[in-house]
Amino acid sequence: MRVDAPTWSSSAPAIASVSQQGEVVGLAAGTATILAEHGGKRASAIVTVTAPRVAHVVISPEAPAIEVGTTLQLTATVQSQGGTRLPDRLVTWQVLDSTLATISSSGLVRATSPGTVTVRATSEGVSGTQQLRITRAATSVARVSITPAVTRVVVGDTVAFSATAVDGSGRPVSDQPVEWLLTIAAGNDAASLSNDGVLVTRGPGRVVVQARAEGIVGTQTIDIVELLDPGITVSFGAPLEGATVGDTLIIVADVNHEYPLARVTADVMDVRQEMQLERVGRGALAWVARLDLRLVRFGEHTARVTAIDEQGGMGRGTIRFIRDPVKNKGGSNLPPKNK
């Protein structure tokens, strides 16, 4: 005797489907009524489909590495206990050290500092982590520029230069050390340049200032000029031309001027002092300075006296002397020659 099979159907096939052999497959969370009909008879059963629980969160790519200043898109795959992907689950992102990197709600990482940072992706209380290695940007210097861009300065000026190194895209390269170099093209002892780019001018001439980073050099050529007032003249009573001195140089000078003087200074290399009016010799007034030369190398040098009046006019006088390691002190209290 042949028995016909019942007919199967589901009230919500999007939630639970049923085959004509009666096999029910859960497709989405919810409830569905499964019907079986045969010979005018009907039977039903209510089926509840629950969503699979999150068991794993896997972050890809694995063991990523990026450079400072770049971004990387991470992806989180949510899986059930059996390894089934659960693409509709909400995922939140977090970096455990925000000083190294930041991350968006979609998993886009932006690296800000070198180091290793842990990235965490969480879905329904289950988390997956990934170590992200951040390396220093492998940029190379393409150009070095020097500011301010000056081509002419006056004797006595001090100019603080700064250097900017950029890569081929014009982005600053801030982690490269800068070496400062000075070439004197004309004028003996025209200027000096410190390790941090400060130019001190001493006499007329031409100098070339260079800033070097990663072998790339930026250059500025600077003319140093004197703007002297012929109405202001300086003559020396001491030291005598070619005098030999030790640790102390006593400078005695007379300044002829039309307008009242604002200041008179004496200097040798980086040693500078304001001169004072004193009575020397037979009671004549002269400008006197006592310079400590212990930081000045032995050998021949130029002593310079600069006088500036209240109108801004400037006069200057120079004289050569020898710093001798044998002498303990030097200079003279002779009055100016023209007194």
Protein backbone atom coordinates (compact mmCIF):
# COMPACT_ATOMS: atom_id res chain seq x y z
CA MET A 1 0.00 0.00 0.00
CA ARG A 2 1.53 3.39 -1.04
CA VAL A 3 1.43 6.30 1.46
CA ASP A 4 1.80 9.84 0.10
CA ALA A 5 4.29 12.15 1.85
CA PRO A 6 2.94 15.27 3.57
CA THR A 7 3.44 18.75 2.17
CA TRP A 8 5.73 20.99 4.23
CA SER A 9 5.68 24.79 4.43
CA SER A 10 6.94 27.63 6.62
CA SER A 11 5.03 30.72 7.67
CA ALA A 12 8.30 32.74 7.64
CA PRO A 13 10.72 31.21 5.16
CA ALA A 14 13.16 34.09 5.69
CA ILE A 15 13.53 32.99 9.30
CA ALA A 16 13.22 29.21 8.91
CA SER A 17 12.91 27.20 5.72
CA VAL A 18 11.69 23.63 5.48
CA SER A 19 12.38 21.05 2.79
CA GLN A 20 9.78 18.56 1.49
CA GLN A 21 11.55 15.96 3.58
CA GLY A 22 10.75 18.01 6.68
CA GLU A 23 14.27 19.33 7.32
CA VAL A 24 14.12 22.78 8.92
CA VAL A 25 17.00 25.29 8.46
CA GLY A 26 17.22 28.40 10.64
CA LEU A 27 18.14 31.47 8.58
CA ALA A 28 17.58 34.44 10.87
CA ALA A 29 16.63 35.16 14.45
CA GLY A 30 12.87 35.00 15.04
CA THR A 31 9.95 32.54 15.07
CA ALA A 32 8.26 30.62 12.26
CA THR A 33 5.42 28.12 12.09
CA ILE A 34 6.19 24.90 10.24
CA LEU A 35 3.11 23.24 8.65
CA ALA A 36 2.64 19.66 7.50
CA GLU A 37 -0.47 18.80 5.42
CA HIS A 38 -1.69 15.41 4.26
CA GLY A 39 -5.12 14.19 3.20
CA GLY A 40 -6.84 17.27 4.48
CA LYS A 41 -5.16 16.98 7.82
CA ARG A 42 -2.80 19.65 9.14
CA ALA A 43 -0.22 19.76 11.87
CA SER A 44 2.05 22.62 12.89
CA ALA A 45 5.00 23.40 15.08
CA ILE A 46 6.44 26.73 16.17
CA VAL A 47 10.18 27.00 15.62
CA THR A 48 12.30 29.66 17.37
CA VAL A 49 15.55 30.55 15.66
CA THR A 50 18.21 32.23 17.79
CA ALA A 51 21.21 34.11 16.43
CA PRO A 52 24.50 32.29 16.85
CA ARG A 53 26.72 33.72 19.56
CA VAL A 54 29.96 35.49 18.74
CA ALA A 55 32.90 33.29 19.61
CA HIS A 56 35.82 34.82 17.74
CA VAL A 57 36.91 38.21 16.35
CA VAL A 58 39.81 38.00 13.90
CA ILE A 59 41.69 41.14 12.78
CA SER A 60 43.43 41.28 9.44
CA PRO A 61 45.97 41.80 8.03
CA GLU A 62 48.13 39.86 10.46
CA ALA A 63 51.23 41.47 12.07
CA PRO A 64 50.95 44.71 10.12
CA ALA A 65 53.64 47.41 10.07
CA ILE A 66 53.21 51.00 8.94
CA GLU A 67 55.25 54.21 8.94
CA VAL A 68 54.60 57.29 11.02
CA GLY A 69 52.22 59.62 9.21
CA THR A 70 50.54 56.90 7.15
CA THR A 71 47.24 55.03 7.52
CA LEU A 72 46.19 51.38 7.38
CA GLN A 73 42.69 49.92 7.02
CA LEU A 74 42.06 46.98 9.36
CA THR A 75 39.22 44.48 8.99
CA ALA A 76 37.52 42.49 11.73
CA THR A 77 35.86 39.15 10.94
CA VAL A 78 33.25 38.04 13.49
CA GLN A 79 32.76 34.24 13.74
CA SER A 80 30.55 31.80 15.60
CA GLN A 81 31.86 28.86 17.57
CA GLY A 82 31.77 26.72 14.45
CA GLY A 83 33.66 29.29 12.41
CA THR A 84 30.66 30.67 10.56
CA ARG A 85 31.06 34.32 9.61
CA LEU A 86 28.62 36.72 11.23
CA PRO A 87 28.84 39.77 8.96
CA ASP A 88 25.97 41.72 10.50
CA ARG A 89 27.52 42.13 13.94
CA LEU A 90 28.57 45.53 15.27
CA VAL A 91 32.32 45.94 15.85
CA THR A 92 34.00 48.64 17.94
CA TRP A 93 37.68 49.56 17.57
CA GLN A 94 40.27 50.71 20.09
CA VAL A 95 44.03 51.34 20.28
CA LEU A 96 45.54 50.77 23.71
CA ASP A 97 48.10 53.61 23.39
CA SER A 98 46.69 56.71 21.75
CA THR A 99 50.10 58.43 21.80
CA LEU A 100 51.28 56.05 19.07
CA ALA A 101 48.21 55.79 16.86
CA THR A 102 44.51 56.61 16.48
CA ILE A 103 41.75 54.49 14.96
CA SER A 104 38.39 55.37 13.46
CA SER A 105 35.06 53.60 13.99
CA SER A 106 35.64 51.77 10.70
CA GLY A 107 39.08 50.45 11.67
CA LEU A 108 41.29 53.00 9.86
CA VAL A 109 44.55 53.36 11.80
CA ARG A 110 46.67 56.52 11.61
CA ALA A 111 50.23 56.17 12.96
CA THR A 112 51.58 59.16 14.87
CA SER A 113 54.71 57.94 16.68
CA PRO A 114 57.10 54.98 16.33
CA GLY A 115 56.56 51.97 18.58
CA THR A 116 54.33 48.93 18.96
CA VAL A 117 50.64 49.36 19.77
CA THR A 118 47.84 46.89 20.43
CA VAL A 119 44.65 47.25 18.39
CA ARG A 120 41.45 45.74 19.79
CA ALA A 121 38.21 44.90 17.95
CA THR A 122 35.18 43.96 20.08
CA SER A 123 31.78 42.50 19.14
CA GLU A 124 29.14 41.52 21.69
CA GLY A 125 31.72 41.33 24.48
CA VAL A 126 34.17 39.18 22.54
CA SER A 127 37.47 40.80 21.52
CA GLY A 128 40.31 40.11 19.14
CA THR A 129 43.67 41.89 19.29
CA GLN A 130 46.51 42.57 16.89
CA GLN A 131 49.99 44.03 17.40
CA LEU A 132 50.74 46.93 15.09
CA ARG A 133 54.39 47.94 14.57
CA ILE A 134 54.92 51.60 13.72
CA THR A 135 58.24 52.57 12.20
CA ARG A 136 59.82 55.94 11.62
CA ALA A 137 59.08 57.31 8.18
CA ALA A 138 61.82 56.36 5.75
CA THR A 139 61.98 59.81 4.22
CA SER A 140 65.08 61.32 2.69
CA VAL A 141 66.01 64.97 2.52
CA ALA A 142 65.61 66.45 -0.95
CA ARG A 143 66.14 70.14 -0.22
CA VAL A 144 67.45 72.36 2.59
CA SER A 145 66.49 76.03 2.77
CA ILE A 146 67.93 78.72 5.05
CA THR A 147 65.96 81.60 6.55
CA PRO A 148 66.01 84.52 6.75
CA ALA A 149 67.12 84.99 3.14
CA VAL A 150 69.63 87.82 3.54
CA THR A 151 72.35 88.78 1.10
CA ARG A 152 73.76 91.89 2.80
CA VAL A 153 74.39 92.77 6.44
CA VAL A 154 76.27 95.49 8.28
CA VAL A 155 79.40 94.88 10.31
CA GLY A 156 78.37 94.26 13.91
CA ASP A 157 75.06 92.62 13.02
CA THR A 158 74.07 89.27 14.48
CA VAL A 159 71.79 87.04 12.38
CA ALA A 160 70.10 83.89 13.76
CA PHE A 161 69.54 81.51 10.84
CA SER A 162 67.25 78.50 10.79
CA ALA A 163 67.23 75.59 8.35
CA THR A 164 64.27 73.63 7.00
CA ALA A 165 64.75 70.21 5.40
CA VAL A 166 62.00 68.77 3.17
CA ASP A 167 61.56 65.53 1.26
CA GLY A 168 60.74 65.13 -2.41
CA SER A 169 57.07 65.87 -1.76
CA GLY A 170 57.84 69.07 0.12
CA ARG A 171 57.02 67.60 3.52
CA PRO A 172 59.26 68.74 6.40
CA VAL A 173 61.83 66.21 7.62
CA SER A 174 62.16 67.27 11.25
CA ASP A 175 64.14 64.38 12.70
CA GLN A 176 67.35 64.97 10.75
CA PRO A 177 70.21 66.86 12.45
CA VAL A 178 71.48 70.00 10.72
CA GLU A 179 75.17 70.86 10.50
CA TRP A 180 76.11 74.52 10.05
CA LEU A 181 79.17 75.48 8.00
CA LEU A 182 80.85 78.82 7.32
CA THR A 183 83.24 79.68 4.53
CA ILE A 184 84.92 83.10 4.50
CA ALA A 185 85.26 84.09 0.86
CA ALA A 186 86.68 87.54 1.52
CA GLY A 187 87.78 89.46 4.60
CA ASN A 188 89.96 88.03 7.35
CA ASP A 189 87.88 87.18 10.45
CA ALA A 190 84.81 88.71 8.79
CA ALA A 191 82.36 86.58 10.82
CA SER A 192 81.82 83.48 12.91
CA LEU A 193 78.98 80.95 12.88
CA SER A 194 77.80 78.99 15.92
CA ASN A 195 76.68 75.36 15.90
CA ASP A 196 73.05 76.49 16.02
CA GLY A 197 73.29 78.86 13.06
CA VAL A 198 73.98 82.26 14.67
CA LEU A 199 76.17 84.47 12.49
CA VAL A 200 78.22 87.18 14.24
CA THR A 201 79.82 89.70 11.88
CA ARG A 202 83.12 91.38 12.80
CA GLY A 203 84.45 93.04 9.69
CA PRO A 204 83.76 93.68 6.01
CA GLY A 205 83.91 90.77 3.62
CA ARG A 206 81.88 88.00 2.05
CA VAL A 207 80.85 84.73 3.71
CA VAL A 208 79.02 81.61 2.61
CA VAL A 209 76.62 80.09 5.16
CA GLN A 210 75.63 76.46 4.62
CA ALA A 211 73.19 74.12 6.37
CA ARG A 212 73.68 70.41 5.68
CA ALA A 213 71.23 67.57 6.42
CA GLU A 214 71.64 64.01 5.12
CA GLY A 215 74.30 65.26 2.74
CA ILE A 216 71.99 67.85 1.16
CA VAL A 217 73.25 71.43 1.50
CA GLY A 218 71.43 74.75 1.53
CA THR A 219 73.58 77.82 0.85
CA GLN A 220 73.46 81.58 1.34
CA THR A 221 76.15 84.01 0.23
CA ILE A 222 76.26 87.17 2.34
CA ASP A 223 78.15 90.42 1.85
CA ILE A 224 79.22 92.17 5.06
CA VAL A 225 79.61 95.89 4.63
CA GLU A 226 80.67 98.76 6.85
CA LEU A 227 78.53 101.89 7.02
CA LEU A 228 80.95 104.28 8.72
CA ASP A 229 80.48 107.95 9.48
CA PRO A 230 83.62 109.85 8.41
CA GLY A 231 82.94 112.35 11.20
CA ILE A 232 83.68 109.71 13.84
CA THR A 233 87.31 108.60 14.07
CA VAL A 234 89.04 106.25 16.49
CA SER A 235 92.74 106.37 17.38
CA PHE A 236 94.65 104.14 19.78
CA GLY A 237 96.96 104.86 22.66
CA ALA A 238 97.21 101.17 23.55
CA PRO A 239 97.80 98.53 22.54
CA LEU A 240 100.54 99.50 20.14
CA GLU A 241 100.36 97.95 16.70
CA GLY A 242 101.83 94.44 16.91
CA ALA A 243 101.91 94.46 20.73
CA THR A 244 102.31 91.16 22.53
CA VAL A 245 99.75 90.48 25.27
CA GLY A 246 98.80 87.61 27.56
CA ASP A 247 95.46 87.00 29.28
CA THR A 248 94.32 90.63 29.46
CA LEU A 249 94.18 93.21 26.71
CA ILE A 250 93.91 96.84 27.86
CA ILE A 251 92.61 99.04 25.09
CA VAL A 252 92.96 102.83 25.34
CA ALA A 253 91.33 104.82 22.55
CA ASP A 254 90.41 108.37 21.68
CA VAL A 255 87.22 109.09 19.71
CA ASN A 256 86.74 112.29 17.75
CA HIS A 257 83.05 112.98 17.15
CA GLU A 258 80.62 115.76 16.33
CA TYR A 259 77.55 114.52 18.21
CA PRO A 260 77.40 113.01 21.72
CA LEU A 261 78.34 109.35 21.83
CA ALA A 262 75.73 106.75 22.71
CA ARG A 263 78.22 103.95 23.32
CA VAL A 264 81.74 102.79 22.62
CA THR A 265 82.60 99.08 22.57
CA ALA A 266 85.78 97.07 22.22
CA ASP A 267 85.90 93.49 20.99
CA VAL A 268 88.24 90.71 20.01
CA MET A 269 86.48 87.76 18.31
CA ASP A 270 83.55 86.91 20.62
CA VAL A 271 84.89 88.90 23.60
CA ARG A 272 83.17 92.28 23.81
CA GLN A 273 83.02 95.01 26.44
CA GLU A 274 81.53 98.46 26.82
CA MET A 275 84.34 101.01 27.10
CA GLN A 276 84.40 103.60 29.88
CA LEU A 277 85.86 107.10 30.01
CA GLU A 278 88.85 107.13 32.37
CA ARG A 279 91.77 109.42 33.10
CA VAL A 280 95.01 107.88 31.90
CA GLY A 281 98.58 109.05 31.64
CA ARG A 282 98.80 112.72 32.61
CA GLY A 283 95.13 113.06 33.36
CA ALA A 284 93.71 113.01 29.84
CA LEU A 285 90.29 111.35 29.38
CA ALA A 286 90.21 108.30 27.12
CA TRP A 287 88.02 105.35 26.42
CA VAL A 288 89.33 102.26 28.22
CA ALA A 289 88.42 98.55 28.08
CA ARG A 290 90.04 95.54 29.74
CA LEU A 291 89.28 92.39 27.75
CA ASP A 292 89.69 88.92 29.22
CA LEU A 293 91.43 86.90 26.49
CA ARG A 294 91.51 83.53 28.20
CA LEU A 295 88.94 82.18 25.73
CA VAL A 296 90.82 83.65 22.74
CA ARG A 297 93.29 81.35 21.00
CA PHE A 298 96.98 82.25 20.89
CA GLY A 299 98.22 84.00 17.80
CA GLU A 300 97.62 87.23 15.89
CA HIS A 301 94.26 88.97 16.27
CA THR A 302 92.46 92.21 15.51
CA ALA A 303 91.15 94.42 18.29
CA ARG A 304 88.25 96.62 17.23
CA VAL A 305 86.74 99.72 18.80
CA THR A 306 83.29 100.81 17.59
CA ALA A 307 81.82 104.19 18.48
CA ILE A 308 78.15 105.05 17.83
CA ASP A 309 76.75 108.53 18.38
CA GLU A 310 73.23 109.54 19.37
CA GLN A 311 72.36 110.19 15.71
CA GLY A 312 73.14 106.58 14.77
CA GLY A 313 76.48 107.39 13.11
CA MET A 314 79.24 104.81 13.53
CA GLY A 315 83.02 105.02 13.50
CA ARG A 316 85.55 102.24 13.91
CA GLY A 317 89.21 101.68 14.49
CA THR A 318 91.18 98.43 14.43
CA ILE A 319 94.64 97.37 15.47
CA ARG A 320 96.55 94.10 15.27
CA PHE A 321 98.15 92.40 18.29
CA ILE A 322 99.60 89.03 19.22
CA ARG A 323 98.23 86.86 22.02
CA ASP A 324 101.33 85.28 23.55
CA PRO A 325 101.10 82.21 25.83
CA VAL A 326 104.29 83.31 27.64
CA LYS A 327 102.97 86.64 28.90
CA ASN A 328 100.62 86.67 31.87
CA LYS A 329 99.11 90.03 31.14
CA GLY A 330 99.29 92.70 28.54
CA GLY A 331 98.12 96.08 27.46
CA SER A 332 99.25 99.50 28.45
CA ASN A 333 98.04 102.60 30.20
CA LEU A 334 99.58 104.88 27.64
CA PRO A 335 97.41 107.87 26.73
CA PRO A 336 96.05 108.19 23.16
CA LYS A 337 98.69 109.37 20.75
CA ASN A 338 96.70 112.39 19.64
CA LYS A 339 96.24 113.77 23.16
